[in-house]
Amino acid sequence: MPKHSSPSRLHSPRNPQTLAALGKQLRHVREAAGLAQGRVKDMRQGTVSKIENGLEVTLDSFITYATSLGLEIALVPIGQAVLFQAGRTANRPAAVDLLDEFDDLRDAK
């Protein structure tokens, strides 16, 4: 019986722009916290780099990284999501509507 490859090796990501945008946002949060990639709790530096560069990682790794930065993952109806960007103010980040932030990712009408 042939060995099966992991799913990530069988295809390229379906949402590469979204992965890259999310990775960029997480990098901003990490940098605002003054953390080096290798100093993120419960994460290997190489995995942090993959996430920040929009490469595929497991969902568990993504959640662990977000949690290590003091963030949580929430599922909300499309069009109602708000993303908090780090660094906008000293204690309270400004909210940005994801539909505006990722407008270039919308399907053509």
Protein backbone atom coordinates (compact mmCIF):
# COMPACT_ATOMS: atom_id res chain seq x y z
CA MET A 1 0.00 0.00 0.00
CA PRO A 2 1.52 3.39 -0.98
CA LYS A 3 2.27 5.96 1.67
CA HIS A 4 0.09 9.04 1.69
CA SER A 5 1.65 12.48 1.64
CA SER A 6 0.37 15.16 3.95
CA PRO A 7 -2.38 17.28 2.36
CA SER A 8 -0.19 20.40 2.28
CA ARG A 9 2.25 18.63 -0.02
CA LEU A 10 -0.47 17.67 -2.51
CA HIS A 11 -1.69 21.15 -3.40
CA SER A 12 -0.81 24.77 -3.16
CA PRO A 13 -2.76 26.97 -0.73
CA ARG A 14 -6.21 27.99 -1.94
CA ASN A 15 -5.93 31.41 -0.31
CA PRO A 16 -2.30 32.52 -0.59
CA GLN A 17 -3.11 36.25 -0.45
CA THR A 18 -5.16 35.81 2.71
CA LEU A 19 -2.42 33.73 4.36
CA ALA A 20 0.13 36.40 3.48
CA ALA A 21 -2.09 39.20 4.81
CA LEU A 22 -2.77 37.35 8.06
CA GLY A 23 0.93 36.59 8.47
CA LYS A 24 1.77 40.25 7.96
CA GLN A 25 -0.74 41.29 10.62
CA LEU A 26 0.65 38.76 13.10
CA ARG A 27 4.19 39.97 12.38
CA HIS A 28 3.11 43.55 13.20
CA VAL A 29 1.63 42.37 16.52
CA ARG A 30 4.81 40.42 17.38
CA GLU A 31 7.08 43.33 16.49
CA ALA A 32 4.91 45.78 18.47
CA ALA A 33 5.35 43.47 21.46
CA GLY A 34 9.13 43.63 20.98
CA LEU A 35 9.50 39.88 20.44
CA ALA A 36 11.98 38.21 18.15
CA GLN A 37 10.63 35.26 16.15
CA GLY A 38 12.65 32.85 18.27
CA ARG A 39 11.23 34.26 21.53
CA VAL A 40 7.54 33.55 20.85
CA LYS A 41 6.22 31.24 23.59
CA ASP A 42 5.53 27.64 22.54
CA MET A 43 6.68 28.27 18.95
CA ARG A 44 9.73 27.34 16.89
CA GLN A 45 11.31 30.24 15.01
CA GLY A 46 10.90 28.42 11.70
CA THR A 47 7.16 27.98 12.21
CA VAL A 48 6.76 31.66 13.13
CA SER A 49 8.61 32.57 9.94
CA LYS A 50 6.34 30.31 7.84
CA ILE A 51 3.21 31.90 9.28
CA GLU A 52 4.49 35.45 8.83
CA ASN A 53 5.46 34.72 5.24
CA GLY A 54 2.04 33.32 4.38
CA LEU A 55 3.15 29.72 4.01
CA GLU A 56 0.94 26.80 4.94
CA VAL A 57 1.08 25.54 8.51
CA THR A 58 -1.32 23.48 10.57
CA LEU A 59 -4.34 25.18 12.06
CA ASP A 60 -3.01 24.20 15.49
CA SER A 61 0.26 26.06 14.82
CA PHE A 62 -1.62 29.14 13.63
CA ILE A 63 -3.85 29.16 16.73
CA THR A 64 -0.86 28.57 19.01
CA TYR A 65 0.96 31.52 17.45
CA ALA A 66 -2.03 33.84 17.76
CA THR A 67 -2.58 32.76 21.38
CA SER A 68 1.09 33.30 22.19
CA LEU A 69 0.67 36.90 21.00
CA GLY A 70 -2.38 37.39 23.22
CA LEU A 71 -4.85 37.04 20.34
CA GLU A 72 -7.79 34.73 19.79
CA ILE A 73 -9.30 33.40 16.58
CA ALA A 74 -13.00 34.16 16.08
CA LEU A 75 -15.38 33.07 13.35
CA VAL A 76 -17.88 35.73 12.36
CA PRO A 77 -20.26 36.12 9.42
CA ILE A 78 -18.62 37.49 6.29
CA GLY A 79 -18.79 41.27 6.25
CA GLN A 80 -18.93 41.64 10.02
CA ALA A 81 -15.31 40.98 10.90
CA VAL A 82 -13.11 43.59 12.50
CA LEU A 83 -9.35 43.27 12.67
CA PHE A 84 -7.35 45.04 15.36
CA GLN A 85 -4.03 46.38 14.15
CA ALA A 86 -1.23 46.77 16.65
CA GLY A 87 0.63 50.00 17.03
CA ARG A 88 -2.15 52.46 16.26
CA THR A 89 -2.34 53.74 19.84
CA ALA A 90 -0.40 53.01 23.01
CA ASN A 91 -3.06 50.95 24.80
CA ARG A 92 -5.87 50.40 22.36
CA PRO A 93 -5.41 49.37 18.73
CA ALA A 94 -7.64 50.90 16.09
CA ALA A 95 -10.23 48.70 14.40
CA VAL A 96 -10.04 48.08 10.68
CA ASP A 97 -12.82 46.48 8.66
CA LEU A 98 -11.50 43.33 6.97
CA LEU A 99 -13.58 44.03 3.86
CA ASP A 100 -11.62 47.24 3.39
CA GLU A 101 -8.29 45.75 4.45
CA PHE A 102 -8.53 42.81 2.01
CA ASP A 103 -10.55 44.48 -0.75
CA ASP A 104 -8.09 43.27 -3.38
CA LEU A 105 -9.01 39.66 -2.51
CA ARG A 106 -12.68 39.96 -3.45
CA ASP A 107 -14.00 37.89 -6.31
CA ALA A 108 -14.63 39.74 -9.54
CA LYS A 109 -18.31 40.48 -10.15
